[in-house]
């Protein structure tokens, strides 16, 4: 599937901002299952940009605005071709995952951060769901059990809410479910990581039809190869998912990070529009 994505983030300030310094992680990943055909980021007020790839392999656009401004608008526009993402041909077993070599090579994705650390109740839930299943099937079962226990309710959490707090509320959004899933999979001994991106919400949309898309989050786990799964929707990651970044948690790869100099407060609005091109 070929998708056009237009992601607009607009900051409005209630008093002029003297200067702002920012990093945008809003450029999709190119890999074997996803090809970026074109990409651009436009800024208002217009300013210079520089790009680099961070430790996690994410394309970063850095920029600063040094003239007084009362608004900052970042528009990222991409054309992406997304194919099927298949499971490894021969998923490894628990003996391989528990080997010293794998635990050393995947140490970053077996270690929790404050945002992904889960209470023992979540670890117990994951273990009960996994039972005697092999690693891939155990990971799916653990994610589905978490989704059964946590209601999708916007507004209960924020971007920086730890997984433990979302579990206590038994509510959250895709980001919370992804953080919980990463922590639960770590508890099972399965390397797992957080993925940010977009989701086209209408699989049957006509070619050329523009719909309101969604900023989204899901997980990947390693069973000989990295496999994507969307715990919010209980489905493998497919051609309706556009990947932006992979890392340990949201805090490693926020779409926008910055600071500004000024006395006012800011208000952020975000709009994602997606068009199936082919």
Foldseek 3Di string as FASTA:
>chain_A
DKKKKKKKKKKFWPDWFQKKKKKFLADFDDDPFKHWPDKDKAKVVGFDWDWDQDPQRTIIIITMDRHIDRMMMIIMITIMFGAFDDDPPDFAFPVVLPDPVNCVVLVQQLDADQQQAEDVVLLVLLCVQLPVPTLVNSLLSSLQSLLVQAAEDPPPDDQRDHLHVSNVVSYYHQQSSQSPSSNNSSSVSWRKKKWWFKFDPDPPDDAFDKDWIDTHMWMWTGRPHTWTARSNVSGGDGRRTTTRGIGHHCVVHPRMDMDTHDDTDMDMDMTMMMGHND
